[in-house]
Amino acid sequence: MSRAETVRNGITREPQVRNGKTLPKRNGFSKKLDDSTHSKSSYEQVPLHTACFTYLGFYLLMILGYINQVFFTPKVATEKHRDGYVPLYDAFEKFYLRYVYRRVKDCWNRPICSVPGSEVVLKDRITRDYGWSFEFTGTETKCLNLGSYNYLGFAQNEGPCADDSEKCIESYGLAACSPRRELGTNPLHNELESLTAKFLGVEDAIVFGMGFATNSLNIPTLITPGCLVVSDEKNHASIILGLRLSGATPKVFKHNNMKDLERVLRDSIIAGQPGSGKPWKKILIIVEGVFSMEGSIVKLPEIIALKKKYKAYVYLDEAHSIGATGPTGRGVVEYYGVDPKDVDILMGTFTKSFGSAGGYIAGNKKLINFLRVHSHAHCYASSMSPPVTQQILTSMKIILGMDGTSEGKNRIDQLARNTRYFRKRLAQIGVITYGHEDSPVVPMLVYLFSKIGAVVRTLTSRNIAVVGVGFPATPIMEGRIRFCLSAAHTKEQLDYALSVINDIRKSKTKMAPNSRLWKREAEADSDAAKLADVASTLATKIFGHKQKHHTTTTESELELEENEDFSTASPTKGEAEKLGDKAAEMTEALAHEMGIPTWGLVSIIIAIALVILGICGFCIRRCFRKRRSKDGKKGMKGVDLKSVQPDMEELTENAEEGDEGESKQSEQKLGKLQYKLEYDFNANALTVTVIQAEELPALDMGGTSDPYVKVYLLPDKKKKFETKVHRKTLNPVFNESFTFKSLPYAEAMNKTLVFAIFDFDRFSKHDQIGEVKVPLCQIDLAQTIEEWRELQSVEDPYVKIALMQNGKRLKKKKTSIKKCTLNPYYNESFSFEVPFEQIQKVNLVVTVVDYDRIGTSEPIGKVVLGYNASGTELRHWSDMLASPRRPIAQWHTLKDPDDDKKD
C-alpha cells in the first residue's frame, strides 16, 4: 500500500489484523468486510417455563395491586380535577407506580456521594412505609461500579483532565450565561469543534451543551412534514421525541433487521406521502451505533448499501459507541472500516467515554453551517460550560495521543479486553446475555419482574452497584440487569463480580440458564471454581472489609449442584412423577423468590384462579347477555319481495312476522343528556358545558352504571375532552365545561359536536352507552343554547356482499368495519367473475351488519340486486348491464334482514 493510499483527511491509516480481518488502525475504510462481524450478537430464545412464570409473576402483582386499589385507599395526595390542566399521570401510570414499581423502588434512583469511577459510594437509606418514602441512615457503602457509562475511565477527580478543567475556570469562569449565537462562544468551543471534526475524519462539527437535546432539538431542524424517517424500534427516547417534534412521517423497522428495513423503505417509496401519494421530500434512516439497552452494534455496512440504493440519508447516533468501539475509539464507523463520508450525519455525546457532558453533530460544512443558523439548541440554549469543554478537549487529546503518551490507546485496548473477558465468563457461568461480543453494554436477562429487584438487592449487599431494567422500559419478557464495563475496571474486580453472579445463579432464585452452557460444562466448571476460590480474598482487597454470606465452592461441589439443578430426571421414575417433581421444584423456587412459604404460594395461585374464573364469568354474563334493540335497524315495512329469488321467499315471511312483533314492542330508550353551548365571536372559542344525564341504562350487574362523557368535534377529532367518572348512578350530574379554542365561525359551521357517553370498566374496554350529535350548522351560535337531547345508539357497521345462484352462495366478500357510526363511508370495490350467459341466473345480496367482537354480528338490513328484483334494485341492475365498464352508483333503502343467518 502506497503512502498516498494510507493517508485520508490528515490521519494515517495502518492495516491491523483483528478477528481474522484486515481493518484500518485509524480512520478510513476498507472495501470489503467479512459478514461474520454481524453474527456475534446473542439473542437466545426464552425457555417456555421461564416465560410462563414471568407472566404469572407480573400478572400476580397486577391483580394484587387492583385488589389493593379497590379495597384500600392509598395514603398519598390525589390531584383534584382542574379544568384546563393536563393530568400528571394517566390511570395506568398511577396504578403501576403505586402498586408495582413501589415494591422495588429502592433499587432505583439511589443517591451517590463520590466520583462514579470504577468504584462508587452509595448513601444508605431505608423505608418504613413499604416504599412510599425513604430516609437516610447516615451510613455509606462503597461498591464496585458496573452501572455507569464510564467506558474509558475518564470520570475522575484527579489527573490531567481534572487539572486542566480546574485551570480553565480561572480564565473562562464556570459559564457564559448566553447562547452560542449571542455571547456564549469562546475559543474552547471553536477548538473542540475543530478537534472533533479531525477525530471523526469529517469536514466540520458543532457541539451542544446537552446530549439529549442534541437529538431532540436538531432532528426537527433537519426534517420537516413531508419527509420520511425510518427508525430502528430500539432507538433512544431522545430520537423518538425529536421525531414527534419534527412532524415528519416515522416508520419503524425491526431491531437491526436489514430485510425489514429494506421492506419499509421500498413500500414507503412506492406508497408516497400519506393522503397525496406525492414523493417524499427526504428519506432519513436513523440508527444507533451501540444500542444502550440491547448491547447490540448496528449493521452499518448494510445500512450504507441500502442508503445508496434508495437515495436516502443516514443519521448515526454514536452516543454509546464513540470512544468505546473501534481500534482507536472512533466508533462503529471505524469498527467496520467504512468511509465517514458515507454517513451523512454523525451524532454523538460526550457524557459516556469522555466523562463530561454535551453532544455533537458532525458532517460536511454545508450541514454544519445550516445547523449554526437554524438549530434551536445552538440559537437559544446556553452554551457548554468552559470546564466541561476543557474536560472533553483533554480526554480527546489523550485518546488521539496528542499528549505524547499511549494512555488513550491503552484505555481503549483495556476496555476491549474487559468486554470480551466479561462476556465470555458470563456465558461460561450459564446466564443469558444479549448484545454483540464487542459491546461494553452487557444486558443479563433475569426475566421475572420481582427477580430484578432480588438480584439488584443481592448484588448491592455484596457491594456491587448495577442497573436493573424492567417493564415498561423493556418488554415484560425481557427484564434484565445491565452491566456497563469500563477501562478502569481491573481483572480482579471483574472476577469478584463474576463470582457473585455465579453464586446468585446457583441459589434457589437462580436466573434462567443458558442452554448452550451444557455443551461446554467441563470447561466452565474449573473456571467457575477458580472464581469462587478467590472471591473472599478479592472482597477484602477491593472493599477493605470481609464479605458476609459468601462461601467458596469447590469444583466438585459446583459440578454436583449444577447436575442437581439441571440434569434430567432418573430413568427409573415415571413421566407423571417427573412432572410432579418438576412442578414442586418450580413452585418452591418461585415461593422462595417471593419470600413466602410454599403453602402460601399455593393458596395465592388458587385464589388467583378463582378470581380469574369470577372475572371470566362476569365477562361472559355481560358480553353475552340479551342484546338491547338498536334504533335504526328496521327498514320500510310491507316491501314486496315476491319476485326475488326463491331463496329469498323465506325472508319475506320472516320479515312480515318481524314487523308484527315490532309493532308490539316499545323502543328501549338510552336516556337523555342536557348540555349548554356558548360561542365567543371575539375569541373564536366554543364553550361546551355538560350539565347532566338522566335515565341511562344499567350496564353493571348491580343495576347501575359508571358513566362519563367524551366531547369532541367531527370530522377531525383533534381535541377531545372527558368528564369525571360518576360511580354507580343512572342520573349523573356533571356540570363541567370545556373550551374549543381557535375555532373560527366559518369552520364551526362545517363541524359536528359529539357527546359520547361511556360506562367506565376497570378491567376491560369501556362500553359506549350512546351518543348525541349536534351539527353546528343547524343551531344559532349567536345565542346561548341549553337543551336536552335523547341519546342515540352506536353501531359498528360493515357490508357483506354475496353472489347467489339458485339459493346457493357462490362467493362472499365484505368491507372493513366502521366504528361507532350510523353514517359509514366505505368507498371499497369488489369484483365477481360471472360469465355473460349466467348473468340472468345470479343475484347480489348486499347485507349491512352490526359487528360484535364477541357475540354474533347482527344484520341491520339487506338489498337484493338481479333480474328477479323489482323497483330500484332492478333498474340499477339493468343500468349496470346497459353501460358496461362504467360504474353505476345508486341509493337503496334497506329491507328487513333474513332471521335465518346462513352466512
Foldseek 3Di string as FASTA:
>chain_A
DDQVVQDALRDGWDWDADPNDTATLAAFFDPDDDPVQQVQWFDDDDDPVLVVVLVVQVVLQVVVLVVCVVPDPDPDDDDDDDPPDDDPDDPVVVSCVPRPCQQLVVQPPFDWDDQLFQKTKTFDWDDDPSRPDIDTPPDIFIFGEFAALQALRLSDCDDPLNVQLVVLCVPANWFPPFFQVPRGDDVLQVVLFVLVCSRLSAATKHWFAAQLCVQQQVLLLVAADLAEEEEEPLDDPSNVNNVVVNNYHYHYFYHLDLVRVLVVLVVDQCQGDPPPSHGGPAYEYEDEQARQAFQAGHPPVSVLVSCVVSVHAYAYEDASFQQQDALLRRGVCSNNRHHSQSHAKYKYFCVRNLVARIIMIGHHPVVVVSCCPRGCSRHPNTGHTRSRSSSNVVLSCQSVCVVVDVSNSLSNVLSQVVQLVLVVLVVLLFWRWGYGSRGQKIWTFQLHPLVLSVVQVQSVLLRHHWDWDAPPSPPSRGTTIITGDYSSDDPLNSLLVSLSLSVQLLDLLHGDGHPVNVVPNVVSLVVSLVSLVCNQVSSCVPRVDGRPPRHRDHSVRVVVSVCVVDNQDDPVDDPVVRVVVVVVSVLCSVCVSVVHDSVVSVVSVVVVVVVVVVVVVQCCCQQVPDDADAPPLAFDPDDDPVLPFPLCPLVNVVQNVVVVVVVVDDHDFQWKWKKKWAADQVQLKIKIWGFKIADHFARHPVRFFFKKKKKAKPDPRPDIDIFDTHPGHRIDGTGDMDMDGPHHPVNLQVIKMKIWMWGDDPPDDIHTSFMDIHRSVVDDNVDMDIDMDTGHHWFFKKKKKFKDFNNDTDDIDIFDTHGGDPDDDTPDDDDDDDDPVCQQGIKIKMWMWGDRPPDDIHTRFIDIAHCSGDDPRPVQNVVPVVDDPDDDDDDDIGHNDRPPPPD
